[in-house]
């Protein structure tokens, strides 16, 4: 069964800090929303019921998710 990545663990920032910064930074808020949306698409694509997903599409989504995670990291470091 597909499992969502723990973004906060990957970022090495506590959830509380990220959420606090999110409220103060519209760019970070947008990036986090985008990450969650793409992560949900990846999970749907990996699930057994989503047999209509092509491997290439799933790979592309995972690459976008990773790119957004890097942007989130940069945004957190920039404003930190």
PDB file of N, CA and C in Angstrom:
ATOM      1  N   UNK A   1       0.834  -1.179   0.000  1.00  0.00           N
ATOM      2  CA  UNK A   1       0.000   0.000   0.000  1.00  0.00           C
ATOM      3  C   UNK A   1       0.884   1.250   0.000  1.00  0.00           C
ATOM      4  N   UNK A   2       0.632   2.191  -0.890  1.00  0.00           N
ATOM      5  CA  UNK A   2       1.417   3.425  -0.951  1.00  0.00           C
ATOM      6  C   UNK A   2       1.259   4.247   0.329  1.00  0.00           C
ATOM      7  N   UNK A   3       2.347   4.892   0.723  1.00  0.00           N
ATOM      8  CA  UNK A   3       2.350   5.707   1.932  1.00  0.00           C
ATOM      9  C   UNK A   3       2.903   7.079   1.589  1.00  0.00           C
ATOM     10  N   UNK A   4       2.265   8.107   2.113  1.00  0.00           N
ATOM     11  CA  UNK A   4       2.707   9.468   1.883  1.00  0.00           C
ATOM     12  C   UNK A   4       4.056   9.697   2.550  1.00  0.00           C
ATOM     13  N   UNK A   5       4.905  10.488   1.904  1.00  0.00           N
ATOM     14  CA  UNK A   5       6.184  10.855   2.495  1.00  0.00           C
ATOM     15  C   UNK A   5       5.940  11.787   3.678  1.00  0.00           C
ATOM     16  N   UNK A   6       6.761  11.673   4.697  1.00  0.00           N
ATOM     17  CA  UNK A   6       6.693  12.602   5.821  1.00  0.00           C
ATOM     18  C   UNK A   6       7.542  13.814   5.451  1.00  0.00           C
ATOM     19  N   UNK A   7       6.909  14.807   4.897  1.00  0.00           N
ATOM     20  CA  UNK A   7       7.610  15.984   4.411  1.00  0.00           C
ATOM     21  C   UNK A   7       8.387  16.673   5.531  1.00  0.00           C
ATOM     22  N   UNK A   8       7.807  16.744   6.707  1.00  0.00           N
ATOM     23  CA  UNK A   8       8.453  17.455   7.812  1.00  0.00           C
ATOM     24  C   UNK A   8       9.732  16.754   8.250  1.00  0.00           C
ATOM     25  N   UNK A   9       9.717  15.448   8.226  1.00  0.00           N
ATOM     26  CA  UNK A   9      10.927  14.694   8.552  1.00  0.00           C
ATOM     27  C   UNK A   9      11.985  14.912   7.469  1.00  0.00           C
ATOM     28  N   UNK A  10      11.571  14.906   6.224  1.00  0.00           N
ATOM     29  CA  UNK A  10      12.498  15.142   5.116  1.00  0.00           C
ATOM     30  C   UNK A  10      13.118  16.535   5.186  1.00  0.00           C
ATOM     31  N   UNK A  11      12.331  17.515   5.635  1.00  0.00           N
ATOM     32  CA  UNK A  11      12.804  18.888   5.697  1.00  0.00           C
ATOM     33  C   UNK A  11      13.674  19.158   6.919  1.00  0.00           C
ATOM     34  N   UNK A  12      13.592  18.279   7.906  1.00  0.00           N
ATOM     35  CA  UNK A  12      14.321  18.451   9.171  1.00  0.00           C
ATOM     36  C   UNK A  12      13.871  19.709   9.912  1.00  0.00           C
ATOM     37  N   UNK A  13      12.593  20.020   9.768  1.00  0.00           N
ATOM     38  CA  UNK A  13      11.960  21.115  10.496  1.00  0.00           C
ATOM     39  C   UNK A  13      10.739  20.549  11.214  1.00  0.00           C
ATOM     40  N   UNK A  14      10.511  20.939  12.459  1.00  0.00           N
ATOM     41  CA  UNK A  14       9.294  20.484  13.141  1.00  0.00           C
ATOM     42  C   UNK A  14       8.044  21.025  12.434  1.00  0.00           C
ATOM     43  N   UNK A  15       7.016  20.244  12.463  1.00  0.00           N
ATOM     44  CA  UNK A  15       5.740  20.617  11.831  1.00  0.00           C
ATOM     45  C   UNK A  15       5.273  21.998  12.319  1.00  0.00           C
ATOM     46  N   UNK A  16       5.398  22.247  13.612  1.00  0.00           N
ATOM     47  CA  UNK A  16       4.926  23.506  14.183  1.00  0.00           C
ATOM     48  C   UNK A  16       5.648  24.710  13.559  1.00  0.00           C
ATOM     49  N   UNK A  17       6.951  24.570  13.378  1.00  0.00           N
ATOM     50  CA  UNK A  17       7.738  25.656  12.790  1.00  0.00           C
ATOM     51  C   UNK A  17       7.315  25.896  11.339  1.00  0.00           C
ATOM     52  N   UNK A  18       7.164  24.822  10.590  1.00  0.00           N
ATOM     53  CA  UNK A  18       6.773  24.955   9.183  1.00  0.00           C
ATOM     54  C   UNK A  18       5.395  25.597   9.085  1.00  0.00           C
ATOM     55  N   UNK A  19       4.459  25.163   9.929  1.00  0.00           N
ATOM     56  CA  UNK A  19       3.112  25.730   9.879  1.00  0.00           C
ATOM     57  C   UNK A  19       3.111  27.207  10.275  1.00  0.00           C
ATOM     58  N   UNK A  20       3.921  27.555  11.252  1.00  0.00           N
ATOM     59  CA  UNK A  20       4.028  28.948  11.661  1.00  0.00           C
ATOM     60  C   UNK A  20       4.598  29.805  10.522  1.00  0.00           C
ATOM     61  N   UNK A  21       5.644  29.298   9.900  1.00  0.00           N
ATOM     62  CA  UNK A  21       6.273  30.027   8.785  1.00  0.00           C
ATOM     63  C   UNK A  21       5.324  30.107   7.588  1.00  0.00           C
ATOM     64  N   UNK A  22       4.528  29.066   7.426  1.00  0.00           N
ATOM     65  CA  UNK A  22       3.577  29.023   6.324  1.00  0.00           C
ATOM     66  C   UNK A  22       2.567  30.164   6.433  1.00  0.00           C
ATOM     67  N   UNK A  23       2.140  30.453   7.629  1.00  0.00           N
ATOM     68  CA  UNK A  23       1.168  31.530   7.844  1.00  0.00           C
ATOM     69  C   UNK A  23       1.757  32.899   7.524  1.00  0.00           C
ATOM     70  N   UNK A  24       3.065  33.022   7.610  1.00  0.00           N
ATOM     71  CA  UNK A  24       3.729  34.312   7.393  1.00  0.00           C
ATOM     72  C   UNK A  24       4.289  34.464   5.985  1.00  0.00           C
ATOM     73  N   UNK A  25       4.312  33.381   5.221  1.00  0.00           N
ATOM     74  CA  UNK A  25       4.979  33.392   3.917  1.00  0.00           C
ATOM     75  C   UNK A  25       4.058  32.805   2.843  1.00  0.00           C
ATOM     76  N   UNK A  26       3.420  33.660   2.039  1.00  0.00           N
ATOM     77  CA  UNK A  26       2.493  33.172   1.008  1.00  0.00           C
ATOM     78  C   UNK A  26       3.153  32.236  -0.012  1.00  0.00           C
ATOM     79  N   UNK A  27       4.413  32.476  -0.343  1.00  0.00           N
ATOM     80  CA  UNK A  27       5.127  31.611  -1.286  1.00  0.00           C
ATOM     81  C   UNK A  27       5.289  30.209  -0.702  1.00  0.00           C
ATOM     82  N   UNK A  28       5.682  30.124   0.550  1.00  0.00           N
ATOM     83  CA  UNK A  28       5.818  28.825   1.216  1.00  0.00           C
ATOM     84  C   UNK A  28       4.465  28.135   1.295  1.00  0.00           C
ATOM     85  N   UNK A  29       3.432  28.878   1.609  1.00  0.00           N
ATOM     86  CA  UNK A  29       2.080  28.322   1.681  1.00  0.00           C
ATOM     87  C   UNK A  29       1.682  27.705   0.347  1.00  0.00           C
ATOM     88  N   UNK A  30       1.947  28.426  -0.745  1.00  0.00           N
ATOM     89  CA  UNK A  30       1.610  27.919  -2.080  1.00  0.00           C
ATOM     90  C   UNK A  30       2.403  26.654  -2.414  1.00  0.00           C
ATOM     91  N   UNK A  31       3.694  26.655  -2.087  1.00  0.00           N
ATOM     92  CA  UNK A  31       4.536  25.490  -2.370  1.00  0.00           C
ATOM     93  C   UNK A  31       4.077  24.267  -1.580  1.00  0.00           C
ATOM     94  N   UNK A  32       3.724  24.471  -0.323  1.00  0.00           N
ATOM     95  CA  UNK A  32       3.255  23.346   0.494  1.00  0.00           C
ATOM     96  C   UNK A  32       1.942  22.786  -0.046  1.00  0.00           C
ATOM     97  N   UNK A  33       1.030  23.673  -0.464  1.00  0.00           N
ATOM     98  CA  UNK A  33      -0.221  23.208  -1.067  1.00  0.00           C
ATOM     99  C   UNK A  33       0.055  22.403  -2.337  1.00  0.00           C
ATOM    100  N   UNK A  34       0.971  22.895  -3.148  1.00  0.00           N
ATOM    101  CA  UNK A  34       1.315  22.207  -4.396  1.00  0.00           C
ATOM    102  C   UNK A  34       1.951  20.844  -4.109  1.00  0.00           C
ATOM    103  N   UNK A  35       2.833  20.799  -3.102  1.00  0.00           N
ATOM    104  CA  UNK A  35       3.471  19.537  -2.730  1.00  0.00           C
ATOM    105  C   UNK A  35       2.419  18.518  -2.297  1.00  0.00           C
ATOM    106  N   UNK A  36       1.496  18.934  -1.447  1.00  0.00           N
ATOM    107  CA  UNK A  36       0.457  18.030  -0.949  1.00  0.00           C
ATOM    108  C   UNK A  36      -0.400  17.520  -2.101  1.00  0.00           C
ATOM    109  N   UNK A  37      -0.753  18.405  -3.030  1.00  0.00           N
ATOM    110  CA  UNK A  37      -1.559  18.011  -4.182  1.00  0.00           C
ATOM    111  C   UNK A  37      -0.831  16.962  -5.026  1.00  0.00           C
ATOM    112  N   UNK A  38       0.432  17.202  -5.315  1.00  0.00           N
ATOM    113  CA  UNK A  38       1.193  16.252  -6.146  1.00  0.00           C
ATOM    114  C   UNK A  38       1.438  14.959  -5.385  1.00  0.00           C
ATOM    115  N   UNK A  39       1.706  15.044  -4.089  1.00  0.00           N
ATOM    116  CA  UNK A  39       1.895  13.837  -3.288  1.00  0.00           C
ATOM    117  C   UNK A  39       0.632  12.976  -3.330  1.00  0.00           C
ATOM    118  N   UNK A  40      -0.522  13.598  -3.243  1.00  0.00           N
ATOM    119  CA  UNK A  40      -1.785  12.852  -3.334  1.00  0.00           C
ATOM    120  C   UNK A  40      -1.950  12.203  -4.699  1.00  0.00           C
ATOM    121  N   UNK A  41      -1.516  12.890  -5.760  1.00  0.00           N
ATOM    122  CA  UNK A  41      -1.582  12.308  -7.106  1.00  0.00           C
ATOM    123  C   UNK A  41      -0.645  11.102  -7.217  1.00  0.00           C
ATOM    124  N   UNK A  42       0.539  11.205  -6.617  1.00  0.00           N
ATOM    125  CA  UNK A  42       1.487  10.089  -6.632  1.00  0.00           C
ATOM    126  C   UNK A  42       0.886   8.903  -5.892  1.00  0.00           C
ATOM    127  N   UNK A  43       0.313   9.150  -4.729  1.00  0.00           N
ATOM    128  CA  UNK A  43      -0.297   8.064  -3.957  1.00  0.00           C
ATOM    129  C   UNK A  43      -1.422   7.401  -4.741  1.00  0.00           C
ATOM    130  N   UNK A  44      -2.227   8.208  -5.403  1.00  0.00           N
ATOM    131  CA  UNK A  44      -3.309   7.652  -6.220  1.00  0.00           C
ATOM    132  C   UNK A  44      -2.737   6.819  -7.365  1.00  0.00           C
ATOM    133  N   UNK A  45      -1.678   7.315  -7.977  1.00  0.00           N
ATOM    134  CA  UNK A  45      -1.056   6.590  -9.081  1.00  0.00           C
ATOM    135  C   UNK A  45      -0.424   5.285  -8.647  1.00  0.00           C
ATOM    136  N   UNK A  46       0.075   5.249  -7.415  1.00  0.00           N
ATOM    137  CA  UNK A  46       0.715   4.036  -6.899  1.00  0.00           C
ATOM    138  C   UNK A  46      -0.293   3.016  -6.374  1.00  0.00           C
ATOM    139  N   UNK A  47      -1.487   3.460  -6.118  1.00  0.00           N
ATOM    140  CA  UNK A  47      -2.478   2.538  -5.555  1.00  0.00           C
ATOM    141  C   UNK A  47      -2.918   1.514  -6.596  1.00  0.00           C
ATOM    142  N   UNK A  48      -3.329   0.407  -6.135  1.00  0.00           N
ATOM    143  CA  UNK A  48      -3.736  -0.693  -7.020  1.00  0.00           C
ATOM    144  C   UNK A  48      -4.932  -0.292  -7.869  1.00  0.00           C
ATOM    145  N   UNK A  49      -5.825   0.518  -7.323  1.00  0.00           N
ATOM    146  CA  UNK A  49      -7.039   0.894  -8.050  1.00  0.00           C
ATOM    147  C   UNK A  49      -6.761   1.878  -9.185  1.00  0.00           C
ATOM    148  N   UNK A  50      -5.575   2.424  -9.244  1.00  0.00           N
ATOM    149  CA  UNK A  50      -5.261   3.405 -10.289  1.00  0.00           C
ATOM    150  C   UNK A  50      -4.463   2.749 -11.410  1.00  0.00           C
ATOM    151  N   UNK A  51      -4.974   1.687 -11.954  1.00  0.00           N
ATOM    152  CA  UNK A  51      -4.280   0.962 -13.005  1.00  0.00           C
ATOM    153  C   UNK A  51      -4.168   1.734 -14.303  1.00  0.00           C
ATOM    154  N   UNK A  52      -4.825   2.876 -14.402  1.00  0.00           N
ATOM    155  CA  UNK A  52      -4.763   3.649 -15.638  1.00  0.00           C
ATOM    156  C   UNK A  52      -3.572   4.613 -15.662  1.00  0.00           C
ATOM    157  N   UNK A  53      -2.758   4.595 -14.624  1.00  0.00           N
ATOM    158  CA  UNK A  53      -1.587   5.467 -14.563  1.00  0.00           C
ATOM    159  C   UNK A  53      -0.415   4.808 -15.271  1.00  0.00           C
ATOM    160  N   UNK A  54       0.217   5.532 -16.156  1.00  0.00           N
ATOM    161  CA  UNK A  54       1.381   5.032 -16.887  1.00  0.00           C
ATOM    162  C   UNK A  54       2.619   5.304 -16.049  1.00  0.00           C
ATOM    163  N   UNK A  55       3.590   4.376 -16.083  1.00  0.00           N
ATOM    164  CA  UNK A  55       4.811   4.534 -15.297  1.00  0.00           C
ATOM    165  C   UNK A  55       5.495   5.871 -15.561  1.00  0.00           C
ATOM    166  N   UNK A  56       5.499   6.293 -16.794  1.00  0.00           N
ATOM    167  CA  UNK A  56       6.143   7.562 -17.153  1.00  0.00           C
ATOM    168  C   UNK A  56       5.436   8.741 -16.483  1.00  0.00           C
ATOM    169  N   UNK A  57       4.117   8.700 -16.437  1.00  0.00           N
ATOM    170  CA  UNK A  57       3.356   9.763 -15.761  1.00  0.00           C
ATOM    171  C   UNK A  57       3.680   9.795 -14.272  1.00  0.00           C
ATOM    172  N   UNK A  58       3.760   8.628 -13.673  1.00  0.00           N
ATOM    173  CA  UNK A  58       4.068   8.543 -12.253  1.00  0.00           C
ATOM    174  C   UNK A  58       5.484   9.045 -11.973  1.00  0.00           C
ATOM    175  N   UNK A  59       6.417   8.692 -12.826  1.00  0.00           N
ATOM    176  CA  UNK A  59       7.797   9.167 -12.677  1.00  0.00           C
ATOM    177  C   UNK A  59       7.846  10.692 -12.753  1.00  0.00           C
ATOM    178  N   UNK A  60       7.099  11.247 -13.703  1.00  0.00           N
ATOM    179  CA  UNK A  60       7.065  12.697 -13.867  1.00  0.00           C
ATOM    180  C   UNK A  60       6.491  13.373 -12.609  1.00  0.00           C
ATOM    181  N   UNK A  61       5.435  12.815 -12.057  1.00  0.00           N
ATOM    182  CA  UNK A  61       4.856  13.370 -10.831  1.00  0.00           C
ATOM    183  C   UNK A  61       5.850  13.320  -9.676  1.00  0.00           C
ATOM    184  N   UNK A  62       6.563  12.205  -9.567  1.00  0.00           N
ATOM    185  CA  UNK A  62       7.548  12.081  -8.491  1.00  0.00           C
ATOM    186  C   UNK A  62       8.679  13.094  -8.661  1.00  0.00           C
ATOM    187  N   UNK A  63       9.072  13.343  -9.887  1.00  0.00           N
ATOM    188  CA  UNK A  63      10.104  14.348 -10.139  1.00  0.00           C
ATOM    189  C   UNK A  63       9.608  15.738  -9.765  1.00  0.00           C
ATOM    190  N   UNK A  64       8.356  16.046 -10.102  1.00  0.00           N
ATOM    191  CA  UNK A  64       7.777  17.350  -9.733  1.00  0.00           C
ATOM    192  C   UNK A  64       7.682  17.484  -8.215  1.00  0.00           C
ATOM    193  N   UNK A  65       7.275  16.408  -7.550  1.00  0.00           N
ATOM    194  CA  UNK A  65       7.173  16.429  -6.092  1.00  0.00           C
ATOM    195  C   UNK A  65       8.540  16.708  -5.475  1.00  0.00           C
ATOM    196  N   UNK A  66       9.576  16.073  -5.978  1.00  0.00           N
ATOM    197  CA  UNK A  66      10.925  16.281  -5.462  1.00  0.00           C
ATOM    198  C   UNK A  66      11.399  17.711  -5.719  1.00  0.00           C
ATOM    199  N   UNK A  67      11.115  18.226  -6.903  1.00  0.00           N
ATOM    200  CA  UNK A  67      11.510  19.596  -7.233  1.00  0.00           C
ATOM    201  C   UNK A  67      10.817  20.595  -6.301  1.00  0.00           C
ATOM    202  N   UNK A  68       9.567  20.370  -6.013  1.00  0.00           N
ATOM    203  CA  UNK A  68       8.833  21.263  -5.110  1.00  0.00           C
ATOM    204  C   UNK A  68       9.379  21.151  -3.695  1.00  0.00           C
ATOM    205  N   UNK A  69       9.755  19.942  -3.283  1.00  0.00           N
ATOM    206  CA  UNK A  69      10.349  19.779  -1.950  1.00  0.00           C
ATOM    207  C   UNK A  69      11.634  20.601  -1.847  1.00  0.00           C
ATOM    208  N   UNK A  70      12.448  20.604  -2.882  1.00  0.00           N
ATOM    209  CA  UNK A  70      13.666  21.410  -2.874  1.00  0.00           C
ATOM    210  C   UNK A  70      13.345  22.903  -2.798  1.00  0.00           C
ATOM    211  N   UNK A  71      12.301  23.328  -3.499  1.00  0.00           N
ATOM    212  CA  UNK A  71      11.897  24.732  -3.431  1.00  0.00           C
ATOM    213  C   UNK A  71      11.417  25.092  -2.024  1.00  0.00           C
ATOM    214  N   UNK A  72      10.714  24.175  -1.389  1.00  0.00           N
ATOM    215  CA  UNK A  72      10.263  24.394  -0.011  1.00  0.00           C
ATOM    216  C   UNK A  72      11.468  24.521   0.907  1.00  0.00           C
ATOM    217  N   UNK A  73      12.440  23.635   0.747  1.00  0.00           N
ATOM    218  CA  UNK A  73      13.655  23.701   1.564  1.00  0.00           C
ATOM    219  C   UNK A  73      14.349  25.043   1.386  1.00  0.00           C
ATOM    220  N   UNK A  74      14.489  25.488   0.162  1.00  0.00           N
ATOM    221  CA  UNK A  74      15.140  26.773  -0.111  1.00  0.00           C
ATOM    222  C   UNK A  74      14.359  27.928   0.500  1.00  0.00           C
ATOM    223  N   UNK A  75      13.044  27.854   0.418  1.00  0.00           N
ATOM    224  CA  UNK A  75      12.219  28.917   0.986  1.00  0.00           C
ATOM    225  C   UNK A  75      12.362  28.961   2.508  1.00  0.00           C
ATOM    226  N   UNK A  76      12.414  27.803   3.133  1.00  0.00           N
ATOM    227  CA  UNK A  76      12.592  27.750   4.594  1.00  0.00           C
ATOM    228  C   UNK A  76      13.964  28.274   4.992  1.00  0.00           C
ATOM    229  N   UNK A  77      14.989  27.922   4.244  1.00  0.00           N
ATOM    230  CA  UNK A  77      16.349  28.375   4.555  1.00  0.00           C
ATOM    231  C   UNK A  77      16.498  29.879   4.294  1.00  0.00           C
ATOM    232  N   UNK A  78      15.863  30.335   3.229  1.00  0.00           N
ATOM    233  CA  UNK A  78      15.982  31.746   2.841  1.00  0.00           C
ATOM    234  C   UNK A  78      15.387  32.678   3.894  1.00  0.00           C
ATOM    235  N   UNK A  79      14.252  32.288   4.425  1.00  0.00           N
ATOM    236  CA  UNK A  79      13.558  33.146   5.391  1.00  0.00           C
ATOM    237  C   UNK A  79      13.963  32.852   6.821  1.00  0.00           C
ATOM    238  N   UNK A  80      14.778  31.797   7.012  1.00  0.00           N
ATOM    239  CA  UNK A  80      15.154  31.391   8.361  1.00  0.00           C
ATOM    240  C   UNK A  80      16.207  32.233   8.902  1.00  0.00           C
TER     241      UNK A  80
END
